[in-house]
Amino acid sequence: MAAHKYWRALALTAATPGTLELSEFHLYNGATRVDAAATLTASAAPSGALANLKDDNTGTGCYWASGGESVVLTWTFPTPQNVDGIVVGARTTIARWPTALQLHGGDVTTGTGPSPEYIEHQCYGLGRFVSATKTGILRPLPSNPHKPLQTKDLLICPGIGRVPFEVVKEVTPATTPKTYTPQWAKVRLERDIDGKVIREQWSDPVTGLGVFENIDENFTYTLTAIYPDTGMRAVIADRIKPEGYPE
């Protein structure tokens, strides 16, 4: 992973999307904490000083009562810094705890592009909520978590079939009518005729969307989502006819 002068955290969507609360947010290079040298800013001002995210005290924190799903935290370093891990602290309300986030690294551009330009994207799962507790050092998922697994079915029996999907979770506390927010999850495509897992890939952490391309269009399939924070499974749909299915 490359060193960058700017790092930002975003897509911190909690169970109640409008809210967000953290007690700590530290950046690591290997086993060494490195964020002390950076200036931390936020796209929207929280209740509680931003310095609370750096003080190693889970008794204090930052709370966004609205717009939490859109908050972007930015660390500006004096010189480019490698970051390959994070530690995040919870406060005491589970509905305000994000289960996943993205970390982007970038540098100032000298051309006509945006400045800074974020060229490295890392995805993290934060795991289960534990009140007023920090995570261990978390490492990013593989650099391309959306790439399908290269199974024998893909290599030997490709087709023209296509199965788009969307993973969502119900917003809590429950509303009437029910409302939903995008969910980041590992999605498995299983062939109905024999139960074989044909493909596996991650839904987009921001939109919950994804698609399986070039599958055998002559079979029906079942989609199953596995949530990274609990390991629980939920069937999205079954008996799916892919695009191109012969009617």
Protein backbone atom coordinates (compact mmCIF):
# COMPACT_ATOMS: atom_id res chain seq x y z
CA MET A 1 0.00 0.00 0.00
CA ALA A 2 1.26 3.46 -0.91
CA ALA A 3 1.84 6.45 1.34
CA HIS A 4 -0.50 9.43 0.95
CA LYS A 5 -0.72 12.89 2.47
CA TYR A 6 -4.50 12.80 2.79
CA TRP A 7 -6.70 10.05 4.21
CA ARG A 8 -10.47 10.18 4.62
CA ALA A 9 -13.08 7.88 6.19
CA LEU A 10 -16.59 7.80 4.75
CA ALA A 11 -19.71 5.63 4.33
CA LEU A 12 -19.97 5.24 8.11
CA THR A 13 -23.63 4.20 8.03
CA ALA A 14 -25.15 3.16 11.36
CA ALA A 15 -28.34 1.18 12.01
CA THR A 16 -30.12 4.52 12.31
CA PRO A 17 -28.54 6.14 9.23
CA GLY A 18 -28.98 9.78 10.26
CA THR A 19 -26.99 9.30 13.44
CA LEU A 20 -23.35 8.48 14.03
CA GLU A 21 -21.34 8.28 17.24
CA LEU A 22 -17.71 7.28 17.78
CA SER A 23 -15.37 7.51 20.75
CA GLU A 24 -12.08 6.92 18.88
CA PHE A 25 -10.67 6.70 15.37
CA HIS A 26 -6.95 5.88 15.04
CA LEU A 27 -4.85 5.18 11.95
CA TYR A 28 -2.08 2.56 11.92
CA ASN A 29 0.90 1.56 9.82
CA GLY A 30 1.54 -2.03 10.81
CA ALA A 31 1.50 -2.08 14.62
CA THR A 32 2.37 1.64 14.93
CA ARG A 33 -0.26 4.31 15.46
CA VAL A 34 0.41 7.23 13.09
CA ASP A 35 -2.53 9.67 13.25
CA ALA A 36 -1.01 11.86 15.98
CA ALA A 37 0.92 13.81 13.32
CA ALA A 38 -2.20 14.50 11.24
CA THR A 39 -4.76 17.29 11.45
CA LEU A 40 -8.26 15.80 11.73
CA THR A 41 -11.26 17.60 10.22
CA ALA A 42 -14.90 16.64 9.59
CA SER A 43 -17.32 17.55 6.81
CA ALA A 44 -19.95 18.38 9.45
CA ALA A 45 -19.37 19.54 13.01
CA PRO A 46 -20.29 16.98 15.70
CA SER A 47 -21.38 17.35 19.27
CA GLY A 48 -18.11 16.88 21.12
CA ALA A 49 -14.67 17.97 20.00
CA LEU A 50 -12.96 16.09 17.17
CA ALA A 51 -9.99 15.76 19.50
CA ASN A 52 -12.09 13.20 21.39
CA LEU A 53 -11.44 10.76 18.53
CA LYS A 54 -7.70 10.91 19.22
CA ASP A 55 -7.53 11.00 23.05
CA ASP A 56 -7.67 7.20 23.61
CA ASN A 57 -10.63 7.65 25.96
CA THR A 58 -13.84 5.78 25.14
CA GLY A 59 -15.70 7.87 27.73
CA THR A 60 -15.72 10.84 25.34
CA GLY A 61 -16.62 10.99 21.67
CA CYS A 62 -18.26 12.72 18.74
CA TYR A 63 -21.97 12.54 17.93
CA TRP A 64 -23.78 13.53 14.75
CA ALA A 65 -27.53 13.68 15.39
CA SER A 66 -28.34 14.03 11.69
CA GLY A 67 -26.56 13.47 8.40
CA GLY A 68 -24.34 10.81 9.97
CA GLU A 69 -24.31 8.65 6.84
CA SER A 70 -22.74 11.55 4.88
CA VAL A 71 -20.01 12.46 7.37
CA VAL A 72 -16.46 12.42 6.00
CA LEU A 73 -13.46 12.48 8.36
CA THR A 74 -10.19 13.72 6.85
CA TRP A 75 -6.62 13.39 8.16
CA THR A 76 -4.02 15.72 6.64
CA PHE A 77 -0.39 14.66 7.23
CA PRO A 78 2.68 16.91 6.92
CA THR A 79 4.23 14.35 4.57
CA PRO A 80 2.80 11.22 2.86
CA GLN A 81 2.02 8.46 5.33
CA ASN A 82 1.23 4.78 4.79
CA VAL A 83 -1.95 3.56 6.50
CA ASP A 84 -2.92 -0.12 6.49
CA GLY A 85 -5.04 -0.44 9.61
CA ILE A 86 -7.50 1.37 11.87
CA VAL A 87 -8.84 1.23 15.41
CA VAL A 88 -12.38 2.53 16.01
CA GLY A 89 -14.08 3.07 19.36
CA ALA A 90 -17.79 2.83 20.19
CA ARG A 91 -19.75 4.88 22.71
CA THR A 92 -22.84 3.39 24.34
CA THR A 93 -25.67 3.37 21.75
CA ILE A 94 -25.70 0.50 19.26
CA ALA A 95 -28.02 2.28 16.80
CA ARG A 96 -25.29 4.91 16.23
CA TRP A 97 -22.46 2.41 15.55
CA PRO A 98 -21.37 1.85 11.93
CA THR A 99 -20.62 -1.74 10.96
CA ALA A 100 -18.45 -0.86 7.96
CA LEU A 101 -16.63 2.06 6.35
CA GLN A 102 -14.30 3.05 3.54
CA LEU A 103 -10.85 4.64 3.92
CA HIS A 104 -9.41 6.55 0.96
CA GLY A 105 -5.84 7.77 0.50
CA GLY A 106 -4.83 10.53 -1.88
CA ASP A 107 -2.53 13.38 -2.82
CA VAL A 108 -2.75 16.92 -4.20
CA THR A 109 -2.98 17.02 -7.98
CA THR A 110 -1.20 19.55 -10.18
CA GLY A 111 -3.50 19.18 -13.18
CA THR A 112 -7.19 19.89 -13.69
CA GLY A 113 -8.46 17.01 -11.56
CA PRO A 114 -9.86 17.23 -8.03
CA SER A 115 -7.50 18.18 -5.24
CA PRO A 116 -6.74 16.08 -3.34
CA GLU A 117 -7.23 13.10 -5.63
CA TYR A 118 -8.03 9.90 -3.70
CA ILE A 119 -6.46 6.98 -5.53
CA GLU A 120 -6.39 4.23 -2.89
CA HIS A 121 -9.62 2.76 -1.52
CA GLN A 122 -9.77 0.41 1.46
CA CYS A 123 -12.91 -1.27 2.86
CA TYR A 124 -13.27 -2.27 6.51
CA GLY A 125 -15.79 -4.26 8.52
CA LEU A 126 -15.99 -2.97 12.10
CA GLY A 127 -17.58 -6.03 13.64
CA ARG A 128 -19.99 -6.39 16.51
CA PHE A 129 -20.88 -3.43 18.75
CA VAL A 130 -19.36 -3.48 22.24
CA SER A 131 -20.31 -0.50 24.42
CA ALA A 132 -17.50 2.02 25.16
CA THR A 133 -14.87 -0.30 23.69
CA LYS A 134 -12.23 0.00 20.96
CA THR A 135 -11.71 -2.57 18.26
CA GLY A 136 -8.36 -4.22 17.80
CA ILE A 137 -6.27 -3.14 14.83
CA LEU A 138 -8.46 -3.82 11.80
CA ARG A 139 -6.99 -4.56 8.38
CA PRO A 140 -8.67 -3.78 5.05
CA LEU A 141 -10.41 -6.39 2.97
CA PRO A 142 -8.64 -7.54 -0.20
CA SER A 143 -8.00 -4.65 -2.57
CA ASN A 144 -10.76 -5.73 -4.95
CA PRO A 145 -13.47 -7.32 -2.75
CA HIS A 146 -16.08 -7.08 -5.51
CA LYS A 147 -14.22 -9.42 -7.90
CA PRO A 148 -15.99 -12.80 -8.28
CA LEU A 149 -14.20 -15.95 -7.22
CA GLN A 150 -12.68 -17.86 -10.12
CA THR A 151 -14.59 -21.14 -9.80
CA LYS A 152 -14.64 -24.01 -12.28
CA ASP A 153 -18.12 -22.97 -13.34
CA LEU A 154 -16.80 -19.57 -14.37
CA LEU A 155 -13.84 -21.00 -16.24
CA ILE A 156 -15.51 -23.99 -17.92
CA CYS A 157 -19.21 -23.16 -18.19
CA PRO A 158 -19.60 -19.42 -18.69
CA GLY A 159 -22.76 -18.05 -20.24
CA ILE A 160 -24.63 -14.87 -21.07
CA GLY A 161 -26.69 -14.80 -17.86
CA ARG A 162 -26.73 -11.79 -15.53
CA VAL A 163 -28.15 -11.48 -11.98
CA PRO A 164 -28.18 -7.99 -10.40
CA PHE A 165 -28.84 -7.70 -6.66
CA GLU A 166 -29.29 -5.21 -3.84
CA VAL A 167 -28.65 -5.90 -0.13
CA VAL A 168 -30.50 -3.76 2.41
CA LYS A 169 -31.30 -3.91 6.11
CA GLU A 170 -34.29 -2.55 8.00
CA VAL A 171 -33.72 0.71 9.83
CA THR A 172 -34.09 0.44 13.60
CA PRO A 173 -36.06 1.49 15.56
CA ALA A 174 -38.67 0.20 13.12
CA THR A 175 -40.76 2.72 11.20
CA THR A 176 -44.22 2.52 9.60
CA PRO A 177 -43.99 1.95 6.73
CA LYS A 178 -40.69 0.10 7.05
CA THR A 179 -37.57 1.86 5.78
CA TYR A 180 -34.27 0.33 4.70
CA THR A 181 -30.61 1.27 4.32
CA PRO A 182 -27.92 -0.30 2.08
CA GLN A 183 -26.06 -3.23 3.67
CA TRP A 184 -22.50 -4.32 2.97
CA ALA A 185 -22.41 -8.13 2.79
CA LYS A 186 -20.80 -11.10 1.07
CA VAL A 187 -23.29 -12.48 -1.45
CA ARG A 188 -23.30 -16.07 -2.69
CA LEU A 189 -24.89 -17.25 -5.92
CA GLU A 190 -26.04 -20.86 -5.59
CA ARG A 191 -27.33 -23.02 -8.43
CA ASP A 192 -30.77 -24.41 -7.53
CA ILE A 193 -30.41 -27.72 -9.34
CA ASP A 194 -27.57 -28.98 -7.11
CA GLY A 195 -26.99 -26.28 -4.45
CA LYS A 196 -23.49 -25.53 -5.73
CA VAL A 197 -22.02 -22.11 -4.91
CA ILE A 198 -21.18 -20.67 -8.35
CA ARG A 199 -19.91 -17.23 -7.43
CA GLU A 200 -19.24 -15.10 -4.36
CA GLN A 201 -18.69 -11.35 -4.15
CA TRP A 202 -19.28 -8.30 -1.90
CA SER A 203 -22.13 -5.86 -2.28
CA ASP A 204 -21.10 -2.24 -2.67
CA PRO A 205 -20.56 -0.80 0.86
CA VAL A 206 -22.27 2.49 -0.06
CA THR A 207 -25.19 1.39 -2.26
CA GLY A 208 -25.63 -2.29 -1.36
CA LEU A 209 -25.70 -3.08 -5.09
CA GLY A 210 -23.88 -5.72 -7.09
CA VAL A 211 -24.22 -7.99 -10.12
CA PHE A 212 -23.11 -11.46 -11.20
CA GLU A 213 -22.10 -11.43 -14.86
CA ASN A 214 -21.55 -14.14 -17.48
CA ILE A 215 -23.22 -17.03 -15.65
CA ASP A 216 -24.95 -20.02 -17.25
CA GLU A 217 -28.37 -18.68 -18.25
CA ASN A 218 -29.98 -22.15 -18.39
CA PHE A 219 -30.39 -22.57 -14.60
CA THR A 220 -32.19 -20.76 -11.76
CA TYR A 221 -30.28 -19.50 -8.74
CA THR A 222 -30.55 -18.50 -5.07
CA LEU A 223 -28.85 -15.43 -3.60
CA THR A 224 -27.68 -15.50 0.03
CA ALA A 225 -26.15 -12.54 1.90
CA ILE A 226 -23.69 -13.07 4.78
CA TYR A 227 -23.37 -10.03 7.03
CA PRO A 228 -19.74 -9.25 8.02
CA ASP A 229 -20.56 -7.97 11.53
CA THR A 230 -22.52 -11.03 12.71
CA GLY A 231 -21.83 -13.84 10.25
CA MET A 232 -25.60 -14.33 9.96
CA ARG A 233 -27.13 -15.31 6.62
CA ALA A 234 -30.22 -13.97 4.91
CA VAL A 235 -31.69 -15.27 1.66
CA ILE A 236 -32.26 -12.32 -0.66
CA ALA A 237 -34.23 -14.29 -3.25
CA ASP A 238 -34.57 -17.81 -4.65
CA ARG A 239 -35.60 -19.37 -7.96
CA ILE A 240 -34.05 -16.40 -9.75
CA LYS A 241 -34.12 -16.58 -13.52
CA PRO A 242 -31.04 -14.73 -14.83
CA GLU A 243 -31.27 -12.28 -17.67
CA GLY A 244 -31.14 -14.42 -20.84
CA TYR A 245 -33.03 -17.35 -19.26
CA PRO A 246 -34.78 -19.40 -21.99
CA GLU A 247 -38.55 -19.06 -21.54
